[in-house]
Amino acid sequence: MQLSSSEPCVVILTEKEVEVSVNNHATFTLPKNYLAAFACNNNVIELSTLNHVLITHINRNIINDYLLFLNKNL
């Protein structure tokens, strides 16, 4: 299943093992209960299944807010 987004980033939480390929490079496996962030700009992200994956699309405002939060708490 190909994943695309109009947002700059997606965050994926796996419920079971999922194979991932980015830009048709070698496939790698995300383990069960794994949290991963992927940049979507000009990237083709392929997942072996979407049945056991939770996905959220993250916009630039959320990324900026998070970076400001980190900066204040460092």
PDB file of N, CA and C in Angstrom:
ATOM      1  N   MET A   1       0.842  -1.165   0.000  1.00  0.00           N
ATOM      2  CA  MET A   1       0.000   0.000   0.000  1.00  0.00           C
ATOM      3  C   MET A   1       0.893   1.235   0.000  1.00  0.00           C
ATOM      4  N   GLN A   2       0.628   2.129  -0.898  1.00  0.00           N
ATOM      5  CA  GLN A   2       1.430   3.345  -0.983  1.00  0.00           C
ATOM      6  C   GLN A   2       0.817   4.434  -0.111  1.00  0.00           C
ATOM      7  N   LEU A   3       1.662   5.102   0.645  1.00  0.00           N
ATOM      8  CA  LEU A   3       1.231   6.164   1.544  1.00  0.00           C
ATOM      9  C   LEU A   3       1.641   7.501   0.950  1.00  0.00           C
ATOM     10  N   SER A   4       0.681   8.405   0.855  1.00  0.00           N
ATOM     11  CA  SER A   4       1.006   9.755   0.401  1.00  0.00           C
ATOM     12  C   SER A   4       0.293  10.745   1.301  1.00  0.00           C
ATOM     13  N   SER A   5       0.837  11.951   1.363  1.00  0.00           N
ATOM     14  CA  SER A   5       0.263  12.966   2.231  1.00  0.00           C
ATOM     15  C   SER A   5       0.563  14.340   1.669  1.00  0.00           C
ATOM     16  N   SER A   6      -0.351  15.263   1.880  1.00  0.00           N
ATOM     17  CA  SER A   6      -0.097  16.654   1.490  1.00  0.00           C
ATOM     18  C   SER A   6       0.666  17.383   2.590  1.00  0.00           C
ATOM     19  N   GLU A   7       0.819  16.738   3.737  1.00  0.00           N
ATOM     20  CA  GLU A   7       1.559  17.318   4.859  1.00  0.00           C
ATOM     21  C   GLU A   7       3.033  16.918   4.756  1.00  0.00           C
ATOM     22  N   PRO A   8       3.922  17.667   5.420  1.00  0.00           N
ATOM     23  CA  PRO A   8       5.357  17.376   5.290  1.00  0.00           C
ATOM     24  C   PRO A   8       5.826  16.120   6.018  1.00  0.00           C
ATOM     25  N   CYS A   9       5.001  15.579   6.928  1.00  0.00           N
ATOM     26  CA  CYS A   9       5.462  14.470   7.758  1.00  0.00           C
ATOM     27  C   CYS A   9       4.287  13.562   8.119  1.00  0.00           C
ATOM     28  N   VAL A  10       4.562  12.276   8.234  1.00  0.00           N
ATOM     29  CA  VAL A  10       3.585  11.344   8.791  1.00  0.00           C
ATOM     30  C   VAL A  10       4.244  10.590   9.934  1.00  0.00           C
ATOM     31  N   VAL A  11       3.455  10.282  10.943  1.00  0.00           N
ATOM     32  CA  VAL A  11       3.918   9.475  12.068  1.00  0.00           C
ATOM     33  C   VAL A  11       3.121   8.182  12.035  1.00  0.00           C
ATOM     34  N   ILE A  12       3.828   7.072  12.130  1.00  0.00           N
ATOM     35  CA  ILE A  12       3.218   5.747  12.021  1.00  0.00           C
ATOM     36  C   ILE A  12       3.433   4.990  13.320  1.00  0.00           C
ATOM     37  N   LEU A  13       2.369   4.406  13.840  1.00  0.00           N
ATOM     38  CA  LEU A  13       2.443   3.510  14.993  1.00  0.00           C
ATOM     39  C   LEU A  13       1.972   2.145  14.524  1.00  0.00           C
ATOM     40  N   THR A  14       2.838   1.141  14.665  1.00  0.00           N
ATOM     41  CA  THR A  14       2.492  -0.198  14.196  1.00  0.00           C
ATOM     42  C   THR A  14       1.900  -1.027  15.331  1.00  0.00           C
ATOM     43  N   GLU A  15       0.887  -1.800  15.006  1.00  0.00           N
ATOM     44  CA  GLU A  15       0.314  -2.746  15.965  1.00  0.00           C
ATOM     45  C   GLU A  15       0.901  -4.135  15.758  1.00  0.00           C
ATOM     46  N   LYS A  16       1.406  -4.401  14.564  1.00  0.00           N
ATOM     47  CA  LYS A  16       2.096  -5.646  14.219  1.00  0.00           C
ATOM     48  C   LYS A  16       3.284  -5.279  13.346  1.00  0.00           C
ATOM     49  N   GLU A  17       4.158  -6.235  13.051  1.00  0.00           N
ATOM     50  CA  GLU A  17       5.301  -5.967  12.176  1.00  0.00           C
ATOM     51  C   GLU A  17       4.818  -5.520  10.800  1.00  0.00           C
ATOM     52  N   VAL A  18       5.470  -4.490  10.260  1.00  0.00           N
ATOM     53  CA  VAL A  18       5.106  -3.945   8.956  1.00  0.00           C
ATOM     54  C   VAL A  18       6.388  -3.711   8.160  1.00  0.00           C
ATOM     55  N   GLU A  19       6.392  -4.163   6.912  1.00  0.00           N
ATOM     56  CA  GLU A  19       7.537  -3.915   6.040  1.00  0.00           C
ATOM     57  C   GLU A  19       7.354  -2.574   5.346  1.00  0.00           C
ATOM     58  N   VAL A  20       8.458  -1.812   5.255  1.00  0.00           N
ATOM     59  CA  VAL A  20       8.423  -0.465   4.688  1.00  0.00           C
ATOM     60  C   VAL A  20       9.510  -0.331   3.630  1.00  0.00           C
ATOM     61  N   SER A  21       9.180   0.364   2.562  1.00  0.00           N
ATOM     62  CA  SER A  21      10.154   0.722   1.536  1.00  0.00           C
ATOM     63  C   SER A  21       9.969   2.205   1.230  1.00  0.00           C
ATOM     64  N   VAL A  22      11.079   2.938   1.190  1.00  0.00           N
ATOM     65  CA  VAL A  22      11.036   4.364   0.873  1.00  0.00           C
ATOM     66  C   VAL A  22      11.785   4.583  -0.434  1.00  0.00           C
ATOM     67  N   ASN A  23      11.094   5.161  -1.408  1.00  0.00           N
ATOM     68  CA  ASN A  23      11.671   5.446  -2.734  1.00  0.00           C
ATOM     69  C   ASN A  23      12.248   4.199  -3.398  1.00  0.00           C
ATOM     70  N   ASN A  24      11.564   3.083  -3.237  1.00  0.00           N
ATOM     71  CA  ASN A  24      11.938   1.808  -3.861  1.00  0.00           C
ATOM     72  C   ASN A  24      13.320   1.313  -3.459  1.00  0.00           C
ATOM     73  N   HIS A  25      13.803   1.720  -2.288  1.00  0.00           N
ATOM     74  CA  HIS A  25      15.064   1.194  -1.763  1.00  0.00           C
ATOM     75  C   HIS A  25      14.773  -0.092  -1.000  1.00  0.00           C
ATOM     76  N   ALA A  26      15.787  -0.676  -0.429  1.00  0.00           N
ATOM     77  CA  ALA A  26      15.645  -1.938   0.299  1.00  0.00           C
ATOM     78  C   ALA A  26      14.551  -1.834   1.362  1.00  0.00           C
ATOM     79  N   THR A  27      13.808  -2.902   1.501  1.00  0.00           N
ATOM     80  CA  THR A  27      12.723  -2.968   2.478  1.00  0.00           C
ATOM     81  C   THR A  27      13.289  -3.203   3.872  1.00  0.00           C
ATOM     82  N   PHE A  28      12.682  -2.559   4.853  1.00  0.00           N
ATOM     83  CA  PHE A  28      13.038  -2.800   6.248  1.00  0.00           C
ATOM     84  C   PHE A  28      11.757  -3.029   7.034  1.00  0.00           C
ATOM     85  N   THR A  29      11.891  -3.625   8.206  1.00  0.00           N
ATOM     86  CA  THR A  29      10.728  -3.990   9.010  1.00  0.00           C
ATOM     87  C   THR A  29      10.614  -3.102  10.237  1.00  0.00           C
ATOM     88  N   LEU A  30       9.414  -2.561  10.430  1.00  0.00           N
ATOM     89  CA  LEU A  30       9.106  -1.857  11.673  1.00  0.00           C
ATOM     90  C   LEU A  30       8.501  -2.884  12.620  1.00  0.00           C
ATOM     91  N   PRO A  31       9.045  -3.041  13.816  1.00  0.00           N
ATOM     92  CA  PRO A  31       8.513  -4.040  14.744  1.00  0.00           C
ATOM     93  C   PRO A  31       7.150  -3.645  15.308  1.00  0.00           C
ATOM     94  N   LYS A  32       6.542  -4.578  15.993  1.00  0.00           N
ATOM     95  CA  LYS A  32       5.260  -4.355  16.656  1.00  0.00           C
ATOM     96  C   LYS A  32       5.402  -3.217  17.672  1.00  0.00           C
ATOM     97  N   ASN A  33       4.371  -2.375  17.773  1.00  0.00           N
ATOM     98  CA  ASN A  33       4.321  -1.248  18.719  1.00  0.00           C
ATOM     99  C   ASN A  33       5.482  -0.279  18.538  1.00  0.00           C
ATOM    100  N   TYR A  34       5.782   0.047  17.300  1.00  0.00           N
ATOM    101  CA  TYR A  34       6.905   0.922  16.969  1.00  0.00           C
ATOM    102  C   TYR A  34       6.369   2.253  16.459  1.00  0.00           C
ATOM    103  N   LEU A  35       6.996   3.343  16.866  1.00  0.00           N
ATOM    104  CA  LEU A  35       6.613   4.681  16.436  1.00  0.00           C
ATOM    105  C   LEU A  35       7.705   5.220  15.520  1.00  0.00           C
ATOM    106  N   ALA A  36       7.322   5.634  14.314  1.00  0.00           N
ATOM    107  CA  ALA A  36       8.299   6.139  13.348  1.00  0.00           C
ATOM    108  C   ALA A  36       7.742   7.371  12.654  1.00  0.00           C
ATOM    109  N   ALA A  37       8.622   8.308  12.339  1.00  0.00           N
ATOM    110  CA  ALA A  37       8.241   9.512  11.595  1.00  0.00           C
ATOM    111  C   ALA A  37       8.927   9.479  10.233  1.00  0.00           C
ATOM    112  N   PHE A  38       8.181   9.846   9.200  1.00  0.00           N
ATOM    113  CA  PHE A  38       8.707   9.862   7.841  1.00  0.00           C
ATOM    114  C   PHE A  38       8.421  11.206   7.194  1.00  0.00           C
ATOM    115  N   ALA A  39       9.411  11.744   6.484  1.00  0.00           N
ATOM    116  CA  ALA A  39       9.204  12.946   5.680  1.00  0.00           C
ATOM    117  C   ALA A  39       8.467  12.540   4.410  1.00  0.00           C
ATOM    118  N   CYS A  40       7.462  13.297   4.040  1.00  0.00           N
ATOM    119  CA  CYS A  40       6.653  12.948   2.871  1.00  0.00           C
ATOM    120  C   CYS A  40       7.061  13.690   1.604  1.00  0.00           C
ATOM    121  N   ASN A  41       7.766  14.805   1.738  1.00  0.00           N
ATOM    122  CA  ASN A  41       8.131  15.607   0.569  1.00  0.00           C
ATOM    123  C   ASN A  41       8.995  14.797  -0.387  1.00  0.00           C
ATOM    124  N   ASN A  42       8.472  14.562  -1.590  1.00  0.00           N
ATOM    125  CA  ASN A  42       9.194  13.857  -2.656  1.00  0.00           C
ATOM    126  C   ASN A  42       9.589  12.432  -2.284  1.00  0.00           C
ATOM    127  N   ASN A  43       8.925  11.821  -1.331  1.00  0.00           N
ATOM    128  CA  ASN A  43       9.214  10.443  -0.956  1.00  0.00           C
ATOM    129  C   ASN A  43       8.017   9.551  -1.261  1.00  0.00           C
ATOM    130  N   VAL A  44       8.305   8.373  -1.793  1.00  0.00           N
ATOM    131  CA  VAL A  44       7.281   7.361  -2.011  1.00  0.00           C
ATOM    132  C   VAL A  44       7.441   6.345  -0.892  1.00  0.00           C
ATOM    133  N   ILE A  45       6.437   6.247  -0.026  1.00  0.00           N
ATOM    134  CA  ILE A  45       6.489   5.355   1.129  1.00  0.00           C
ATOM    135  C   ILE A  45       5.518   4.209   0.880  1.00  0.00           C
ATOM    136  N   GLU A  46       6.041   2.986   0.878  1.00  0.00           N
ATOM    137  CA  GLU A  46       5.206   1.810   0.660  1.00  0.00           C
ATOM    138  C   GLU A  46       5.201   0.965   1.918  1.00  0.00           C
ATOM    139  N   LEU A  47       3.999   0.563   2.344  1.00  0.00           N
ATOM    140  CA  LEU A  47       3.823  -0.277   3.526  1.00  0.00           C
ATOM    141  C   LEU A  47       3.237  -1.610   3.095  1.00  0.00           C
ATOM    142  N   SER A  48       3.655  -2.682   3.756  1.00  0.00           N
ATOM    143  CA  SER A  48       3.148  -4.007   3.400  1.00  0.00           C
ATOM    144  C   SER A  48       1.664  -4.136   3.718  1.00  0.00           C
ATOM    145  N   THR A  49       1.192  -3.413   4.725  1.00  0.00           N
ATOM    146  CA  THR A  49      -0.221  -3.448   5.084  1.00  0.00           C
ATOM    147  C   THR A  49      -0.594  -2.165   5.806  1.00  0.00           C
ATOM    148  N   LEU A  50      -1.842  -1.784   5.711  1.00  0.00           N
ATOM    149  CA  LEU A  50      -2.358  -0.658   6.487  1.00  0.00           C
ATOM    150  C   LEU A  50      -3.347  -1.139   7.541  1.00  0.00           C
ATOM    151  N   ASN A  51      -3.581  -2.456   7.591  1.00  0.00           N
ATOM    152  CA  ASN A  51      -4.565  -3.005   8.526  1.00  0.00           C
ATOM    153  C   ASN A  51      -4.155  -2.849   9.982  1.00  0.00           C
ATOM    154  N   HIS A  52      -2.869  -2.898  10.261  1.00  0.00           N
ATOM    155  CA  HIS A  52      -2.391  -2.858  11.646  1.00  0.00           C
ATOM    156  C   HIS A  52      -1.468  -1.666  11.872  1.00  0.00           C
ATOM    157  N   VAL A  53      -1.812  -0.538  11.232  1.00  0.00           N
ATOM    158  CA  VAL A  53      -0.984   0.663  11.318  1.00  0.00           C
ATOM    159  C   VAL A  53      -1.874   1.857  11.626  1.00  0.00           C
ATOM    160  N   LEU A  54      -1.442   2.679  12.578  1.00  0.00           N
ATOM    161  CA  LEU A  54      -2.125   3.935  12.873  1.00  0.00           C
ATOM    162  C   LEU A  54      -1.264   5.057  12.309  1.00  0.00           C
ATOM    163  N   ILE A  55      -1.868   5.949  11.538  1.00  0.00           N
ATOM    164  CA  ILE A  55      -1.116   6.990  10.848  1.00  0.00           C
ATOM    165  C   ILE A  55      -1.712   8.352  11.171  1.00  0.00           C
ATOM    166  N   THR A  56      -0.844   9.317  11.448  1.00  0.00           N
ATOM    167  CA  THR A  56      -1.286  10.697  11.596  1.00  0.00           C
ATOM    168  C   THR A  56      -0.436  11.575  10.686  1.00  0.00           C
ATOM    169  N   HIS A  57      -1.078  12.549  10.081  1.00  0.00           N
ATOM    170  CA  HIS A  57      -0.416  13.483   9.181  1.00  0.00           C
ATOM    171  C   HIS A  57      -0.106  14.749   9.970  1.00  0.00           C
ATOM    172  N   ILE A  58       1.157  15.152   9.975  1.00  0.00           N
ATOM    173  CA  ILE A  58       1.625  16.264  10.801  1.00  0.00           C
ATOM    174  C   ILE A  58       1.932  17.469   9.910  1.00  0.00           C
ATOM    175  N   ASN A  59       1.297  18.613  10.233  1.00  0.00           N
ATOM    176  CA  ASN A  59       1.551  19.816   9.434  1.00  0.00           C
ATOM    177  C   ASN A  59       2.676  20.654  10.034  1.00  0.00           C
ATOM    178  N   ARG A  60       3.098  21.664   9.307  1.00  0.00           N
ATOM    179  CA  ARG A  60       4.228  22.502   9.722  1.00  0.00           C
ATOM    180  C   ARG A  60       3.965  23.231  11.038  1.00  0.00           C
ATOM    181  N   ASN A  61       2.741  23.661  11.283  1.00  0.00           N
ATOM    182  CA  ASN A  61       2.427  24.361  12.533  1.00  0.00           C
ATOM    183  C   ASN A  61       2.665  23.468  13.742  1.00  0.00           C
ATOM    184  N   ILE A  62       2.281  22.216  13.647  1.00  0.00           N
ATOM    185  CA  ILE A  62       2.491  21.281  14.756  1.00  0.00           C
ATOM    186  C   ILE A  62       3.984  21.036  14.966  1.00  0.00           C
ATOM    187  N   ILE A  63       4.730  20.891  13.877  1.00  0.00           N
ATOM    188  CA  ILE A  63       6.179  20.694  13.993  1.00  0.00           C
ATOM    189  C   ILE A  63       6.821  21.910  14.656  1.00  0.00           C
ATOM    190  N   ASN A  64       6.440  23.108  14.231  1.00  0.00           N
ATOM    191  CA  ASN A  64       6.995  24.332  14.827  1.00  0.00           C
ATOM    192  C   ASN A  64       6.646  24.441  16.307  1.00  0.00           C
ATOM    193  N   ASP A  65       5.395  24.141  16.671  1.00  0.00           N
ATOM    194  CA  ASP A  65       4.992  24.176  18.083  1.00  0.00           C
ATOM    195  C   ASP A  65       5.808  23.189  18.912  1.00  0.00           C
ATOM    196  N   TYR A  66       6.034  22.004  18.371  1.00  0.00           N
ATOM    197  CA  TYR A  66       6.809  20.989  19.080  1.00  0.00           C
ATOM    198  C   TYR A  66       8.254  21.446  19.281  1.00  0.00           C
ATOM    199  N   LEU A  67       8.846  22.032  18.238  1.00  0.00           N
ATOM    200  CA  LEU A  67      10.224  22.513  18.357  1.00  0.00           C
ATOM    201  C   LEU A  67      10.327  23.654  19.366  1.00  0.00           C
ATOM    202  N   LEU A  68       9.343  24.543  19.411  1.00  0.00           N
ATOM    203  CA  LEU A  68       9.330  25.610  20.418  1.00  0.00           C
ATOM    204  C   LEU A  68       9.204  25.023  21.818  1.00  0.00           C
ATOM    205  N   PHE A  69       8.367  24.001  21.970  1.00  0.00           N
ATOM    206  CA  PHE A  69       8.205  23.321  23.253  1.00  0.00           C
ATOM    207  C   PHE A  69       9.530  22.718  23.711  1.00  0.00           C
ATOM    208  N   LEU A  70      10.228  22.046  22.799  1.00  0.00           N
ATOM    209  CA  LEU A  70      11.524  21.451  23.145  1.00  0.00           C
ATOM    210  C   LEU A  70      12.536  22.518  23.535  1.00  0.00           C
ATOM    211  N   ASN A  71      12.547  23.614  22.814  1.00  0.00           N
ATOM    212  CA  ASN A  71      13.498  24.690  23.082  1.00  0.00           C
ATOM    213  C   ASN A  71      13.273  25.294  24.466  1.00  0.00           C
ATOM    214  N   LYS A  72      12.027  25.437  24.884  1.00  0.00           N
ATOM    215  CA  LYS A  72      11.715  26.023  26.192  1.00  0.00           C
ATOM    216  C   LYS A  72      12.091  25.089  27.336  1.00  0.00           C
ATOM    217  N   ASN A  73      12.053  23.786  27.093  1.00  0.00           N
ATOM    218  CA  ASN A  73      12.278  22.818  28.161  1.00  0.00           C
ATOM    219  C   ASN A  73      13.686  22.237  28.183  1.00  0.00           C
ATOM    220  N   LEU A  74      14.576  22.776  27.376  1.00  0.00           N
ATOM    221  CA  LEU A  74      15.944  22.247  27.373  1.00  0.00           C
ATOM    222  C   LEU A  74      16.758  22.889  28.412  1.00  0.00           C
TER     223      LEU A  74
END
